[in-house]
């Protein structure tokens, strides 16, 4: 199973909004995210599902991915909100795995996405991996059993790679 972990695009500054949940993508953030999504489409990347944090900037990123044709379906997951629990996602993933789907995108936040990647690759997080805004990390998860410490990285792409 291919798992793509995608950080939301460039967002408005926190002090501009009453709550973190309300922060939207900036015009530049939306534009860059759209270019990256278009490039993924050109590479014939498809997601069976886009699972997103409920925060506005992540939802907008997921919608951009959907709009260019990368997936027909978006669902929200509390596990992808800041400080979300990978354990909750792993429970959800175990059930979702039974659908036979082959490709999943997670749209979330840093440092959580970086920590999740470390956990899936090495079995623990060391707060060392940084996913840039609109950056993408691709993992291959094992067909059976827990993916923790058993996954393989196949894609590590900073956003500037797609914007050249």
Protein backbone atom coordinates (compact mmCIF):
# COMPACT_ATOMS: atom_id res chain seq x y z
CA UNK A 1 0.00 0.00 0.00
CA UNK A 2 1.31 3.44 -0.94
CA UNK A 3 0.92 6.13 1.71
CA UNK A 4 1.60 9.77 0.83
CA UNK A 5 2.03 12.15 3.77
CA UNK A 6 1.45 15.71 2.59
CA UNK A 7 1.90 18.82 4.70
CA UNK A 8 -0.58 21.65 4.11
CA UNK A 9 0.53 24.59 1.96
CA UNK A 10 1.75 27.98 3.15
CA UNK A 11 -0.79 29.39 5.62
CA UNK A 12 -1.60 32.79 7.10
CA UNK A 13 0.31 33.84 10.19
CA UNK A 14 -1.18 32.71 13.52
CA UNK A 15 -1.54 36.21 14.91
CA UNK A 16 -3.89 37.15 12.05
CA UNK A 17 -6.64 34.76 13.29
CA UNK A 18 -8.44 34.16 16.57
CA UNK A 19 -7.76 30.41 16.49
CA UNK A 20 -5.28 28.14 14.78
CA UNK A 21 -8.15 26.18 13.21
CA UNK A 22 -9.22 29.25 11.17
CA UNK A 23 -5.89 29.90 9.43
CA UNK A 24 -6.35 29.56 5.65
CA UNK A 25 -3.80 29.03 2.93
CA UNK A 26 -2.34 32.27 1.63
CA UNK A 27 -2.74 33.11 -2.06
CA UNK A 28 0.87 32.03 -2.56
CA UNK A 29 0.23 28.86 -0.56
CA UNK A 30 -2.84 27.95 -2.63
CA UNK A 31 -1.02 28.72 -5.89
CA UNK A 32 2.04 26.63 -5.02
CA UNK A 33 -0.10 23.79 -3.72
CA UNK A 34 -2.11 23.82 -6.96
CA UNK A 35 1.11 23.60 -9.02
CA UNK A 36 2.34 20.68 -6.94
CA UNK A 37 -1.02 18.91 -7.24
CA UNK A 38 -1.01 19.44 -11.00
CA UNK A 39 2.46 17.93 -11.23
CA UNK A 40 1.33 14.89 -9.22
CA UNK A 41 -1.58 14.51 -11.64
CA UNK A 42 0.84 14.68 -14.59
CA UNK A 43 2.86 11.90 -12.93
CA UNK A 44 -0.38 9.85 -12.85
CA UNK A 45 -0.52 9.71 -9.06
CA UNK A 46 -3.96 8.76 -7.78
CA UNK A 47 -5.28 8.36 -4.24
CA UNK A 48 -8.15 6.08 -3.31
CA UNK A 49 -8.79 8.49 -0.45
CA UNK A 50 -7.45 11.77 0.91
CA UNK A 51 -7.63 11.80 4.70
CA UNK A 52 -7.23 15.29 6.14
CA UNK A 53 -6.96 17.21 9.36
CA UNK A 54 -10.06 19.29 10.04
CA UNK A 55 -8.05 22.54 10.24
CA UNK A 56 -8.90 24.93 7.41
CA UNK A 57 -5.45 25.04 5.79
CA UNK A 58 -5.29 21.25 5.61
CA UNK A 59 -8.85 21.03 4.26
CA UNK A 60 -8.01 23.59 1.57
CA UNK A 61 -4.90 21.61 0.63
CA UNK A 62 -6.97 18.41 0.38
CA UNK A 63 -9.58 20.19 -1.75
CA UNK A 64 -6.89 21.41 -4.15
CA UNK A 65 -5.60 17.85 -4.50
CA UNK A 66 -9.13 16.67 -5.18
CA UNK A 67 -9.90 19.48 -7.65
CA UNK A 68 -7.02 18.54 -9.96
CA UNK A 69 -8.30 14.95 -10.05
CA UNK A 70 -6.03 13.11 -7.62
CA UNK A 71 -8.98 11.61 -5.69
CA UNK A 72 -12.75 11.70 -5.70
CA UNK A 73 -12.99 11.34 -1.94
CA UNK A 74 -11.89 13.38 1.10
CA UNK A 75 -12.54 12.44 4.72
CA UNK A 76 -11.59 14.24 7.92
CA UNK A 77 -9.59 12.59 10.68
CA UNK A 78 -9.09 13.96 14.19
CA UNK A 79 -5.86 11.93 14.32
CA UNK A 80 -4.36 14.32 11.73
CA UNK A 81 -5.02 17.47 13.76
CA UNK A 82 -1.99 18.98 15.52
CA UNK A 83 -0.80 16.63 18.28
CA UNK A 84 -3.01 13.89 16.81
CA UNK A 85 -2.45 10.30 17.86
CA UNK A 86 -0.87 7.91 15.38
CA UNK A 87 -2.39 5.07 17.44
CA UNK A 88 -5.88 6.30 16.54
CA UNK A 89 -4.90 6.46 12.87
CA UNK A 90 -3.40 2.95 13.00
CA UNK A 91 -6.74 1.59 14.30
CA UNK A 92 -8.54 3.36 11.45
CA UNK A 93 -5.93 2.15 8.94
CA UNK A 94 -6.31 -1.50 9.99
CA UNK A 95 -10.00 -1.34 9.09
CA UNK A 96 -9.41 0.67 5.92
CA UNK A 97 -6.80 -1.87 4.77
CA UNK A 98 -9.60 -4.41 4.47
CA UNK A 99 -11.20 -2.38 1.65
CA UNK A 100 -8.39 -3.44 -0.68
CA UNK A 101 -7.49 0.15 -1.51
CA UNK A 102 -3.94 0.71 -2.71
CA UNK A 103 -3.14 4.41 -2.26
CA UNK A 104 -3.85 6.84 0.57
CA UNK A 105 -2.93 10.50 1.10
CA UNK A 106 -2.76 12.06 4.56
CA UNK A 107 -2.87 15.86 4.75
CA UNK A 108 -1.69 17.21 8.06
CA UNK A 109 0.78 19.26 10.02
CA UNK A 110 4.39 19.41 11.15
CA UNK A 111 5.88 18.08 13.42
CA UNK A 112 3.27 15.32 13.50
CA UNK A 113 3.73 14.12 9.92
CA UNK A 114 7.50 13.95 10.33
CA UNK A 115 7.09 12.04 13.59
CA UNK A 116 4.60 9.63 12.00
CA UNK A 117 7.04 8.92 9.16
CA UNK A 118 9.80 8.17 11.65
CA UNK A 119 7.49 5.86 13.61
CA UNK A 120 6.37 4.00 10.50
CA UNK A 121 9.96 3.62 9.25
CA UNK A 122 11.95 3.02 12.43
CA UNK A 123 9.39 2.20 15.12
CA UNK A 124 9.94 5.41 17.08
CA UNK A 125 10.09 9.16 16.61
CA UNK A 126 13.06 11.38 17.34
CA UNK A 127 11.56 14.70 16.14
CA UNK A 128 14.23 14.85 13.43
CA UNK A 129 12.31 14.67 10.12
CA UNK A 130 10.80 17.91 8.82
CA UNK A 131 8.13 17.94 6.13
CA UNK A 132 8.16 21.32 4.35
CA UNK A 133 4.88 23.10 3.60
CA UNK A 134 3.27 21.29 0.64
CA UNK A 135 6.06 18.70 0.87
CA UNK A 136 5.40 15.02 0.28
CA UNK A 137 6.82 11.82 1.72
CA UNK A 138 5.81 8.49 0.21
CA UNK A 139 5.92 5.23 2.12
CA UNK A 140 5.19 1.65 1.17
CA UNK A 141 3.33 -0.03 4.02
CA UNK A 142 3.42 -3.81 4.44
CA UNK A 143 0.45 -5.80 3.15
CA UNK A 144 -0.24 -7.41 6.52
CA UNK A 145 0.41 -6.61 10.15
CA UNK A 146 1.35 -3.33 11.73
CA UNK A 147 3.26 -0.89 9.54
CA UNK A 148 5.15 0.51 12.57
CA UNK A 149 8.87 0.02 12.01
CA UNK A 150 8.17 -2.05 8.88
CA UNK A 151 7.49 0.58 6.23
CA UNK A 152 9.79 1.68 3.43
CA UNK A 153 10.30 5.20 2.09
CA UNK A 154 10.05 5.57 -1.67
CA UNK A 155 9.49 9.30 -2.03
CA UNK A 156 10.86 12.38 -0.26
CA UNK A 157 10.02 15.48 -2.23
CA UNK A 158 10.45 19.08 -1.13
CA UNK A 159 7.93 21.43 -2.75
CA UNK A 160 10.60 23.37 -4.67
CA UNK A 161 11.22 20.24 -6.78
CA UNK A 162 7.75 20.65 -8.32
CA UNK A 163 7.90 24.43 -8.66
CA UNK A 164 10.92 24.71 -10.96
